Amino acid sequence: MAKPQTLERVANGEGTKTSYDKWVEGEGIPVLRTFFVENIRDVRLEWWERKGGPGAFLQMEGAGRVLFPAKQS
């Protein structure tokens, strides 16, 4: 039986973060972690070098994380 897939956790001085969290922070754009956004047009954007335009990450609190298991053959 296959083990459930888990997020890679990396311990550092700021606590335990997933590899995804570290990637998001490394993109250099604002990360908005909230439960509700009244007007998405009011979200502060900054230049996203990799994409060549303004951007921000919106992470909705309470949404949890979804992991898709590896394909079984």
PDB file of N, CA and C in Angstrom:
ATOM      1  N   MET A   1       0.840  -1.169   0.000  1.00  0.00           N
ATOM      2  CA  MET A   1       0.000   0.000   0.000  1.00  0.00           C
ATOM      3  C   MET A   1       0.890   1.239   0.000  1.00  0.00           C
ATOM      4  N   ALA A   2       0.560   2.203  -0.814  1.00  0.00           N
ATOM      5  CA  ALA A   2       1.361   3.421  -0.920  1.00  0.00           C
ATOM      6  C   ALA A   2       1.133   4.320   0.288  1.00  0.00           C
ATOM      7  N   LYS A   3       2.200   4.991   0.699  1.00  0.00           N
ATOM      8  CA  LYS A   3       2.090   5.942   1.800  1.00  0.00           C
ATOM      9  C   LYS A   3       1.481   7.237   1.271  1.00  0.00           C
ATOM     10  N   PRO A   4       0.734   7.958   2.112  1.00  0.00           N
ATOM     11  CA  PRO A   4       0.195   9.232   1.644  1.00  0.00           C
ATOM     12  C   PRO A   4       1.316  10.219   1.352  1.00  0.00           C
ATOM     13  N   GLN A   5       1.098  11.046   0.358  1.00  0.00           N
ATOM     14  CA  GLN A   5       2.091  12.043  -0.024  1.00  0.00           C
ATOM     15  C   GLN A   5       2.093  13.155   1.018  1.00  0.00           C
ATOM     16  N   THR A   6       3.268  13.646   1.363  1.00  0.00           N
ATOM     17  CA  THR A   6       3.375  14.738   2.330  1.00  0.00           C
ATOM     18  C   THR A   6       4.180  15.872   1.727  1.00  0.00           C
ATOM     19  N   LEU A   7       3.999  17.065   2.277  1.00  0.00           N
ATOM     20  CA  LEU A   7       4.795  18.204   1.846  1.00  0.00           C
ATOM     21  C   LEU A   7       6.176  18.108   2.458  1.00  0.00           C
ATOM     22  N   GLU A   8       7.195  18.463   1.687  1.00  0.00           N
ATOM     23  CA  GLU A   8       8.553  18.507   2.219  1.00  0.00           C
ATOM     24  C   GLU A   8       8.647  19.678   3.185  1.00  0.00           C
ATOM     25  N   ARG A   9       9.106  19.429   4.374  1.00  0.00           N
ATOM     26  CA  ARG A   9       9.248  20.492   5.365  1.00  0.00           C
ATOM     27  C   ARG A   9      10.733  20.749   5.576  1.00  0.00           C
ATOM     28  N   VAL A  10      11.091  22.002   5.603  1.00  0.00           N
ATOM     29  CA  VAL A  10      12.483  22.390   5.757  1.00  0.00           C
ATOM     30  C   VAL A  10      12.582  23.258   6.998  1.00  0.00           C
ATOM     31  N   ALA A  11      13.391  22.828   7.965  1.00  0.00           N
ATOM     32  CA  ALA A  11      13.564  23.605   9.193  1.00  0.00           C
ATOM     33  C   ALA A  11      14.600  24.690   8.958  1.00  0.00           C
ATOM     34  N   ASN A  12      14.282  25.902   9.412  1.00  0.00           N
ATOM     35  CA  ASN A  12      15.233  26.990   9.343  1.00  0.00           C
ATOM     36  C   ASN A  12      15.027  27.884  10.554  1.00  0.00           C
ATOM     37  N   GLY A  13      15.735  28.993  10.632  1.00  0.00           N
ATOM     38  CA  GLY A  13      15.660  29.874  11.782  1.00  0.00           C
ATOM     39  C   GLY A  13      14.289  30.486  12.000  1.00  0.00           C
ATOM     40  N   GLU A  14      13.456  30.553  10.960  1.00  0.00           N
ATOM     41  CA  GLU A  14      12.137  31.154  11.076  1.00  0.00           C
ATOM     42  C   GLU A  14      11.068  30.126  11.433  1.00  0.00           C
ATOM     43  N   GLY A  15      11.434  28.894  11.554  1.00  0.00           N
ATOM     44  CA  GLY A  15      10.456  27.846  11.823  1.00  0.00           C
ATOM     45  C   GLY A  15      10.461  26.824  10.706  1.00  0.00           C
ATOM     46  N   THR A  16       9.394  26.057  10.621  1.00  0.00           N
ATOM     47  CA  THR A  16       9.302  25.021   9.604  1.00  0.00           C
ATOM     48  C   THR A  16       8.460  25.528   8.439  1.00  0.00           C
ATOM     49  N   LYS A  17       9.031  25.487   7.243  1.00  0.00           N
ATOM     50  CA  LYS A  17       8.331  25.932   6.036  1.00  0.00           C
ATOM     51  C   LYS A  17       8.378  24.829   4.997  1.00  0.00           C
ATOM     52  N   THR A  18       7.374  24.804   4.161  1.00  0.00           N
ATOM     53  CA  THR A  18       7.384  23.852   3.052  1.00  0.00           C
ATOM     54  C   THR A  18       8.265  24.405   1.942  1.00  0.00           C
ATOM     55  N   SER A  19       8.627  23.552   1.026  1.00  0.00           N
ATOM     56  CA  SER A  19       9.407  24.003  -0.129  1.00  0.00           C
ATOM     57  C   SER A  19       8.581  24.996  -0.944  1.00  0.00           C
ATOM     58  N   TYR A  20       7.266  24.834  -0.977  1.00  0.00           N
ATOM     59  CA  TYR A  20       6.397  25.781  -1.672  1.00  0.00           C
ATOM     60  C   TYR A  20       6.457  27.155  -1.003  1.00  0.00           C
ATOM     61  N   ASP A  21       6.376  27.197   0.335  1.00  0.00           N
ATOM     62  CA  ASP A  21       6.455  28.465   1.061  1.00  0.00           C
ATOM     63  C   ASP A  21       7.760  29.189   0.742  1.00  0.00           C
ATOM     64  N   LYS A  22       8.846  28.451   0.715  1.00  0.00           N
ATOM     65  CA  LYS A  22      10.147  29.051   0.410  1.00  0.00           C
ATOM     66  C   LYS A  22      10.177  29.588  -1.022  1.00  0.00           C
ATOM     67  N   TRP A  23       9.590  28.863  -1.964  1.00  0.00           N
ATOM     68  CA  TRP A  23       9.540  29.315  -3.355  1.00  0.00           C
ATOM     69  C   TRP A  23       8.724  30.602  -3.469  1.00  0.00           C
ATOM     70  N   VAL A  24       7.538  30.634  -2.828  1.00  0.00           N
ATOM     71  CA  VAL A  24       6.681  31.819  -2.868  1.00  0.00           C
ATOM     72  C   VAL A  24       7.444  33.034  -2.356  1.00  0.00           C
ATOM     73  N   GLU A  25       8.093  32.902  -1.225  1.00  0.00           N
ATOM     74  CA  GLU A  25       8.844  34.014  -0.651  1.00  0.00           C
ATOM     75  C   GLU A  25       9.985  34.450  -1.574  1.00  0.00           C
ATOM     76  N   GLY A  26      10.595  33.510  -2.264  1.00  0.00           N
ATOM     77  CA  GLY A  26      11.696  33.812  -3.163  1.00  0.00           C
ATOM     78  C   GLY A  26      11.289  34.529  -4.435  1.00  0.00           C
ATOM     79  N   GLU A  27       9.998  34.548  -4.743  1.00  0.00           N
ATOM     80  CA  GLU A  27       9.529  35.218  -5.958  1.00  0.00           C
ATOM     81  C   GLU A  27       9.572  36.734  -5.824  1.00  0.00           C
ATOM     82  N   GLY A  28       9.644  37.254  -4.603  1.00  0.00           N
ATOM     83  CA  GLY A  28       9.816  38.687  -4.400  1.00  0.00           C
ATOM     84  C   GLY A  28       8.583  39.548  -4.608  1.00  0.00           C
ATOM     85  N   ILE A  29       7.401  38.948  -4.516  1.00  0.00           N
ATOM     86  CA  ILE A  29       6.162  39.728  -4.635  1.00  0.00           C
ATOM     87  C   ILE A  29       5.383  39.587  -3.330  1.00  0.00           C
ATOM     88  N   PRO A  30       4.430  40.490  -3.091  1.00  0.00           N
ATOM     89  CA  PRO A  30       3.659  40.415  -1.845  1.00  0.00           C
ATOM     90  C   PRO A  30       2.898  39.098  -1.724  1.00  0.00           C
ATOM     91  N   VAL A  31       2.791  38.618  -0.488  1.00  0.00           N
ATOM     92  CA  VAL A  31       2.011  37.421  -0.177  1.00  0.00           C
ATOM     93  C   VAL A  31       0.915  37.859   0.782  1.00  0.00           C
ATOM     94  N   LEU A  32      -0.314  37.789   0.341  1.00  0.00           N
ATOM     95  CA  LEU A  32      -1.450  38.172   1.159  1.00  0.00           C
ATOM     96  C   LEU A  32      -2.096  36.910   1.694  1.00  0.00           C
ATOM     97  N   ARG A  33      -2.009  36.731   3.021  1.00  0.00           N
ATOM     98  CA  ARG A  33      -2.625  35.567   3.675  1.00  0.00           C
ATOM     99  C   ARG A  33      -3.812  36.094   4.475  1.00  0.00           C
ATOM    100  N   THR A  34      -5.005  35.771   4.016  1.00  0.00           N
ATOM    101  CA  THR A  34      -6.199  36.312   4.638  1.00  0.00           C
ATOM    102  C   THR A  34      -7.376  35.373   4.437  1.00  0.00           C
ATOM    103  N   PHE A  35      -8.442  35.647   5.148  1.00  0.00           N
ATOM    104  CA  PHE A  35      -9.659  34.849   5.029  1.00  0.00           C
ATOM    105  C   PHE A  35     -10.632  35.473   4.035  1.00  0.00           C
ATOM    106  N   PHE A  36     -10.527  36.792   3.846  1.00  0.00           N
ATOM    107  CA  PHE A  36     -11.502  37.505   3.027  1.00  0.00           C
ATOM    108  C   PHE A  36     -10.832  38.689   2.330  1.00  0.00           C
ATOM    109  N   VAL A  37     -11.149  38.895   1.073  1.00  0.00           N
ATOM    110  CA  VAL A  37     -10.680  40.062   0.328  1.00  0.00           C
ATOM    111  C   VAL A  37     -11.925  40.775  -0.192  1.00  0.00           C
ATOM    112  N   GLU A  38     -12.128  41.998   0.288  1.00  0.00           N
ATOM    113  CA  GLU A  38     -13.326  42.732  -0.109  1.00  0.00           C
ATOM    114  C   GLU A  38     -13.279  43.118  -1.584  1.00  0.00           C
ATOM    115  N   ASN A  39     -12.124  43.593  -2.036  1.00  0.00           N
ATOM    116  CA  ASN A  39     -11.998  43.995  -3.438  1.00  0.00           C
ATOM    117  C   ASN A  39     -10.618  43.578  -3.943  1.00  0.00           C
ATOM    118  N   ILE A  40     -10.571  42.593  -4.803  1.00  0.00           N
ATOM    119  CA  ILE A  40      -9.303  42.067  -5.315  1.00  0.00           C
ATOM    120  C   ILE A  40      -8.499  43.145  -6.040  1.00  0.00           C
ATOM    121  N   ARG A  41      -9.173  44.158  -6.563  1.00  0.00           N
ATOM    122  CA  ARG A  41      -8.474  45.238  -7.273  1.00  0.00           C
ATOM    123  C   ARG A  41      -7.672  46.134  -6.339  1.00  0.00           C
ATOM    124  N   ASP A  42      -7.936  46.036  -5.036  1.00  0.00           N
ATOM    125  CA  ASP A  42      -7.203  46.834  -4.050  1.00  0.00           C
ATOM    126  C   ASP A  42      -5.944  46.137  -3.530  1.00  0.00           C
ATOM    127  N   VAL A  43      -5.708  44.903  -3.956  1.00  0.00           N
ATOM    128  CA  VAL A  43      -4.527  44.160  -3.501  1.00  0.00           C
ATOM    129  C   VAL A  43      -3.274  44.809  -4.083  1.00  0.00           C
ATOM    130  N   ARG A  44      -2.303  45.077  -3.220  1.00  0.00           N
ATOM    131  CA  ARG A  44      -1.044  45.702  -3.646  1.00  0.00           C
ATOM    132  C   ARG A  44      -0.244  44.723  -4.513  1.00  0.00           C
ATOM    133  N   LEU A  45       0.155  45.177  -5.675  1.00  0.00           N
ATOM    134  CA  LEU A  45       0.969  44.382  -6.588  1.00  0.00           C
ATOM    135  C   LEU A  45       2.369  44.979  -6.646  1.00  0.00           C
ATOM    136  N   GLU A  46       3.346  44.127  -6.863  1.00  0.00           N
ATOM    137  CA  GLU A  46       4.716  44.582  -7.097  1.00  0.00           C
ATOM    138  C   GLU A  46       5.239  43.885  -8.343  1.00  0.00           C
ATOM    139  N   TRP A  47       6.310  44.441  -8.893  1.00  0.00           N
ATOM    140  CA  TRP A  47       6.877  43.888 -10.114  1.00  0.00           C
ATOM    141  C   TRP A  47       7.366  42.469  -9.875  1.00  0.00           C
ATOM    142  N   TRP A  48       6.909  41.547 -10.727  1.00  0.00           N
ATOM    143  CA  TRP A  48       7.273  40.134 -10.651  1.00  0.00           C
ATOM    144  C   TRP A  48       8.244  39.885 -11.797  1.00  0.00           C
ATOM    145  N   GLU A  49       9.506  39.903 -11.466  1.00  0.00           N
ATOM    146  CA  GLU A  49      10.561  39.811 -12.481  1.00  0.00           C
ATOM    147  C   GLU A  49      10.405  38.573 -13.372  1.00  0.00           C
ATOM    148  N   ARG A  50      10.167  37.435 -12.769  1.00  0.00           N
ATOM    149  CA  ARG A  50      10.091  36.189 -13.539  1.00  0.00           C
ATOM    150  C   ARG A  50       8.947  36.199 -14.551  1.00  0.00           C
ATOM    151  N   LYS A  51       7.842  36.863 -14.214  1.00  0.00           N
ATOM    152  CA  LYS A  51       6.685  36.900 -15.105  1.00  0.00           C
ATOM    153  C   LYS A  51       6.661  38.138 -15.987  1.00  0.00           C
ATOM    154  N   GLY A  52       7.468  39.157 -15.643  1.00  0.00           N
ATOM    155  CA  GLY A  52       7.516  40.354 -16.460  1.00  0.00           C
ATOM    156  C   GLY A  52       6.311  41.265 -16.300  1.00  0.00           C
ATOM    157  N   GLY A  53       5.725  41.290 -15.114  1.00  0.00           N
ATOM    158  CA  GLY A  53       4.569  42.150 -14.867  1.00  0.00           C
ATOM    159  C   GLY A  53       4.264  42.198 -13.389  1.00  0.00           C
ATOM    160  N   PRO A  54       3.288  42.992 -12.989  1.00  0.00           N
ATOM    161  CA  PRO A  54       2.947  43.089 -11.574  1.00  0.00           C
ATOM    162  C   PRO A  54       2.234  41.830 -11.079  1.00  0.00           C
ATOM    163  N   GLY A  55       2.405  41.522  -9.788  1.00  0.00           N
ATOM    164  CA  GLY A  55       1.746  40.343  -9.253  1.00  0.00           C
ATOM    165  C   GLY A  55       1.756  40.308  -7.744  1.00  0.00           C
ATOM    166  N   ALA A  56       1.006  39.367  -7.198  1.00  0.00           N
ATOM    167  CA  ALA A  56       0.949  39.092  -5.767  1.00  0.00           C
ATOM    168  C   ALA A  56       0.393  37.682  -5.605  1.00  0.00           C
ATOM    169  N   PHE A  57       0.751  37.043  -4.516  1.00  0.00           N
ATOM    170  CA  PHE A  57       0.167  35.746  -4.182  1.00  0.00           C
ATOM    171  C   PHE A  57      -0.972  35.982  -3.206  1.00  0.00           C
ATOM    172  N   LEU A  58      -2.092  35.336  -3.419  1.00  0.00           N
ATOM    173  CA  LEU A  58      -3.230  35.394  -2.518  1.00  0.00           C
ATOM    174  C   LEU A  58      -3.439  33.994  -1.954  1.00  0.00           C
ATOM    175  N   GLN A  59      -3.225  33.866  -0.656  1.00  0.00           N
ATOM    176  CA  GLN A  59      -3.384  32.570   0.004  1.00  0.00           C
ATOM    177  C   GLN A  59      -4.534  32.688   0.998  1.00  0.00           C
ATOM    178  N   MET A  60      -5.624  32.037   0.678  1.00  0.00           N
ATOM    179  CA  MET A  60      -6.825  32.147   1.483  1.00  0.00           C
ATOM    180  C   MET A  60      -6.733  31.264   2.729  1.00  0.00           C
ATOM    181  N   GLU A  61      -6.830  31.908   3.900  1.00  0.00           N
ATOM    182  CA  GLU A  61      -6.805  31.186   5.167  1.00  0.00           C
ATOM    183  C   GLU A  61      -8.011  30.248   5.235  1.00  0.00           C
ATOM    184  N   GLY A  62      -7.806  29.079   5.785  1.00  0.00           N
ATOM    185  CA  GLY A  62      -8.892  28.120   5.921  1.00  0.00           C
ATOM    186  C   GLY A  62      -9.094  27.253   4.700  1.00  0.00           C
ATOM    187  N   ALA A  63      -8.406  27.575   3.606  1.00  0.00           N
ATOM    188  CA  ALA A  63      -8.558  26.779   2.395  1.00  0.00           C
ATOM    189  C   ALA A  63      -7.772  25.473   2.497  1.00  0.00           C
ATOM    190  N   GLY A  64      -6.771  25.444   3.372  1.00  0.00           N
ATOM    191  CA  GLY A  64      -5.965  24.243   3.520  1.00  0.00           C
ATOM    192  C   GLY A  64      -5.083  24.022   2.314  1.00  0.00           C
ATOM    193  N   ARG A  65      -4.447  22.895   2.282  1.00  0.00           N
ATOM    194  CA  ARG A  65      -3.579  22.546   1.161  1.00  0.00           C
ATOM    195  C   ARG A  65      -4.071  21.237   0.573  1.00  0.00           C
ATOM    196  N   VAL A  66      -4.054  21.184  -0.711  1.00  0.00           N
ATOM    197  CA  VAL A  66      -4.497  19.989  -1.413  1.00  0.00           C
ATOM    198  C   VAL A  66      -3.283  19.315  -2.011  1.00  0.00           C
ATOM    199  N   LEU A  67      -3.130  18.047  -1.718  1.00  0.00           N
ATOM    200  CA  LEU A  67      -2.036  17.258  -2.290  1.00  0.00           C
ATOM    201  C   LEU A  67      -2.641  16.185  -3.168  1.00  0.00           C
ATOM    202  N   PHE A  68      -2.118  16.072  -4.353  1.00  0.00           N
ATOM    203  CA  PHE A  68      -2.580  15.040  -5.255  1.00  0.00           C
ATOM    204  C   PHE A  68      -1.604  13.880  -5.201  1.00  0.00           C
ATOM    205  N   PRO A  69      -2.091  12.683  -4.916  1.00  0.00           N
ATOM    206  CA  PRO A  69      -1.180  11.541  -4.821  1.00  0.00           C
ATOM    207  C   PRO A  69      -0.532  11.216  -6.156  1.00  0.00           C
ATOM    208  N   ALA A  70       0.640  10.638  -6.075  1.00  0.00           N
ATOM    209  CA  ALA A  70       1.349  10.214  -7.283  1.00  0.00           C
ATOM    210  C   ALA A  70       0.511   9.153  -7.998  1.00  0.00           C
ATOM    211  N   LYS A  71       0.625   9.132  -9.315  1.00  0.00           N
ATOM    212  CA  LYS A  71      -0.105   8.154 -10.109  1.00  0.00           C
ATOM    213  C   LYS A  71       0.363   6.750  -9.767  1.00  0.00           C
ATOM    214  N   GLN A  72      -0.557   5.885  -9.539  1.00  0.00           N
ATOM    215  CA  GLN A  72      -0.253   4.482  -9.267  1.00  0.00           C
ATOM    216  C   GLN A  72      -0.238   3.712 -10.573  1.00  0.00           C
ATOM    217  N   SER A  73       0.782   2.868 -10.750  1.00  0.00           N
ATOM    218  CA  SER A  73       0.805   2.082 -11.997  1.00  0.00           C
ATOM    219  C   SER A  73       0.487   0.644 -11.734  1.00  0.00           C
TER     220      SER A  73
END
